[in-house]
């Protein structure tokens, strides 16, 4: 990617870029392979500071964020991203399959809730859905998450 004169936005409109934020390198490598089928560039980060800086610099349309990126404040990461980058589509990965975790994550500002155990089947459909302005929830979430705006 070419850097502009001011160095701020490194992502020209014709480059489809996605951010992948996960502190587990092994999982990130597998997810990167899936994302490379949809995007020209996959930028991997392992902490919230790098995620925030990369989102500001690259201005991707989608960020795939592990809810366990920080040990204590995964929902806070989602809230901070949503507050700072309102147009960014947020796909959150989670080990938790409870409807309450899904509702809390979507309530914090995520556009999609994908179970890590279902990544191979659910990640790409989730990204396609959020790019169309829809909410996506992995079918494996234990209870039906009741949302007023589901599927919109």
Protein backbone atom coordinates (compact mmCIF):
# COMPACT_ATOMS: atom_id res chain seq x y z
CA UNK A 1 0.00 0.00 0.00
CA UNK A 2 1.21 3.46 -0.79
CA UNK A 3 1.33 6.05 1.92
CA UNK A 4 -0.23 9.42 1.12
CA UNK A 5 1.69 12.66 1.51
CA UNK A 6 0.42 13.23 5.04
CA UNK A 7 0.85 9.58 6.03
CA UNK A 8 -2.61 9.36 7.60
CA UNK A 9 -4.70 7.14 5.36
CA UNK A 10 -2.77 4.27 3.85
CA UNK A 11 -5.86 2.60 2.41
CA UNK A 12 -6.91 3.92 -0.99
CA UNK A 13 -10.57 3.25 -1.77
CA UNK A 14 -9.68 0.48 -4.20
CA UNK A 15 -7.92 -1.68 -1.56
CA UNK A 16 -10.21 -3.96 0.44
CA UNK A 17 -8.59 -4.21 3.86
CA UNK A 18 -9.67 -6.03 7.03
CA UNK A 19 -8.21 -5.83 10.53
CA UNK A 20 -7.85 -9.03 12.52
CA UNK A 21 -7.32 -8.58 16.25
CA UNK A 22 -6.47 -11.67 18.27
CA UNK A 23 -3.72 -12.29 20.80
CA UNK A 24 -3.43 -15.98 19.83
CA UNK A 25 -1.08 -16.21 16.86
CA UNK A 26 -2.06 -19.75 15.85
CA UNK A 27 -5.75 -18.91 15.56
CA UNK A 28 -4.96 -15.67 13.76
CA UNK A 29 -3.04 -17.50 11.06
CA UNK A 30 -6.00 -19.77 10.33
CA UNK A 31 -8.47 -16.89 10.31
CA UNK A 32 -6.16 -14.89 8.07
CA UNK A 33 -6.35 -17.65 5.47
CA UNK A 34 -10.14 -17.36 5.41
CA UNK A 35 -10.06 -13.57 5.22
CA UNK A 36 -7.57 -13.55 2.34
CA UNK A 37 -10.30 -15.09 0.16
CA UNK A 38 -12.38 -11.88 0.54
CA UNK A 39 -9.87 -9.06 1.09
CA UNK A 40 -6.80 -7.69 -0.65
CA UNK A 41 -5.04 -7.06 2.65
CA UNK A 42 -5.35 -8.64 6.09
CA UNK A 43 -3.65 -6.70 8.87
CA UNK A 44 -3.13 -8.70 12.06
CA UNK A 45 -2.74 -7.09 15.47
CA UNK A 46 -2.49 -8.62 18.95
CA UNK A 47 -3.55 -5.82 21.30
CA UNK A 48 -6.05 -2.99 21.57
CA UNK A 49 -3.53 -0.18 21.10
CA UNK A 50 -2.38 -1.65 17.78
CA UNK A 51 -6.00 -2.25 16.80
CA UNK A 52 -6.97 1.38 17.45
CA UNK A 53 -3.88 2.76 15.68
CA UNK A 54 -4.32 0.48 12.66
CA UNK A 55 -8.02 1.30 12.36
CA UNK A 56 -7.22 5.02 12.36
CA UNK A 57 -4.40 4.67 9.83
CA UNK A 58 -5.87 2.10 7.43
CA UNK A 59 -9.58 2.91 7.69
CA UNK A 60 -10.73 -0.65 6.93
CA UNK A 61 -14.37 -1.41 6.30
CA UNK A 62 -14.32 -4.47 8.60
CA UNK A 63 -12.56 -5.47 11.81
CA UNK A 64 -12.64 -9.03 13.14
CA UNK A 65 -11.99 -8.83 16.87
CA UNK A 66 -11.57 -11.61 19.43
CA UNK A 67 -13.71 -10.83 22.48
CA UNK A 68 -10.77 -12.16 24.52
CA UNK A 69 -8.33 -9.62 23.04
CA UNK A 70 -7.89 -8.20 26.53
CA UNK A 71 -8.12 -10.39 29.58
CA UNK A 72 -10.75 -8.27 31.29
CA UNK A 73 -12.51 -5.81 29.01
CA UNK A 74 -13.59 -7.31 25.69
CA UNK A 75 -16.87 -5.38 25.61
CA UNK A 76 -14.95 -2.19 26.37
CA UNK A 77 -12.81 -2.76 23.27
CA UNK A 78 -15.99 -3.07 21.19
CA UNK A 79 -17.49 0.09 22.75
CA UNK A 80 -14.32 2.10 22.19
CA UNK A 81 -14.05 0.99 18.55
CA UNK A 82 -17.71 1.77 17.91
CA UNK A 83 -17.36 5.19 19.51
CA UNK A 84 -14.25 6.13 17.57
CA UNK A 85 -15.11 4.47 14.23
CA UNK A 86 -18.90 4.49 13.85
CA UNK A 87 -18.84 3.23 10.25
CA UNK A 88 -16.53 0.28 10.93
CA UNK A 89 -18.23 -3.12 10.68
CA UNK A 90 -17.31 -5.12 13.78
CA UNK A 91 -17.33 -8.90 13.68
CA UNK A 92 -16.65 -10.29 17.15
CA UNK A 93 -15.27 -13.79 17.76
CA UNK A 94 -16.18 -15.50 21.01
CA UNK A 95 -15.76 -18.76 22.88
CA UNK A 96 -19.00 -18.05 24.75
CA UNK A 97 -22.18 -19.48 23.24
CA UNK A 98 -24.68 -18.02 25.71
CA UNK A 99 -27.35 -15.69 24.37
CA UNK A 100 -26.54 -13.20 27.14
CA UNK A 101 -22.94 -12.88 25.87
CA UNK A 102 -24.24 -12.38 22.34
CA UNK A 103 -26.74 -9.71 23.43
CA UNK A 104 -24.10 -7.87 25.47
CA UNK A 105 -21.65 -7.91 22.56
CA UNK A 106 -24.21 -6.64 20.05
CA UNK A 107 -25.39 -4.08 22.62
CA UNK A 108 -21.80 -2.82 22.90
CA UNK A 109 -21.79 -2.10 19.16
CA UNK A 110 -20.76 -5.28 17.33
CA UNK A 111 -22.43 -6.06 14.01
CA UNK A 112 -21.81 -9.81 14.20
CA UNK A 113 -21.23 -12.44 16.88
CA UNK A 114 -19.32 -15.49 15.61
CA UNK A 115 -18.49 -18.51 17.73
CA UNK A 116 -14.84 -19.49 17.49
CA UNK A 117 -15.78 -23.15 17.19
CA UNK A 118 -17.77 -22.28 14.04
CA UNK A 119 -15.25 -19.96 12.37
CA UNK A 120 -14.79 -22.08 9.27
CA UNK A 121 -18.52 -22.03 8.52
CA UNK A 122 -19.67 -18.70 9.97
CA UNK A 123 -16.96 -16.08 9.50
CA UNK A 124 -17.34 -15.36 5.79
CA UNK A 125 -21.17 -15.32 5.89
CA UNK A 126 -20.95 -12.96 8.88
CA UNK A 127 -18.71 -10.56 6.97
CA UNK A 128 -20.97 -10.68 3.93
CA UNK A 129 -24.00 -9.95 6.13
CA UNK A 130 -22.45 -6.97 7.93
CA UNK A 131 -21.24 -5.51 4.65
CA UNK A 132 -24.90 -5.53 3.59
CA UNK A 133 -25.89 -3.73 6.79
CA UNK A 134 -27.28 -6.82 8.53
CA UNK A 135 -26.66 -8.31 11.97
CA UNK A 136 -25.17 -11.81 12.04
CA UNK A 137 -25.30 -14.32 14.91
CA UNK A 138 -23.70 -17.76 14.70
CA UNK A 139 -26.46 -20.38 14.63
CA UNK A 140 -24.73 -22.19 17.52
CA UNK A 141 -25.60 -19.52 20.09
CA UNK A 142 -27.44 -21.52 22.79
CA UNK A 143 -30.64 -19.50 23.00
CA UNK A 144 -32.29 -17.25 20.51
CA UNK A 145 -30.94 -13.75 21.01
CA UNK A 146 -33.95 -11.46 20.84
CA UNK A 147 -33.04 -8.35 18.87
CA UNK A 148 -35.31 -5.62 17.66
CA UNK A 149 -33.10 -5.01 14.61
CA UNK A 150 -32.04 -8.55 13.73
CA UNK A 151 -31.58 -9.03 10.02
CA UNK A 152 -31.89 -5.36 9.14
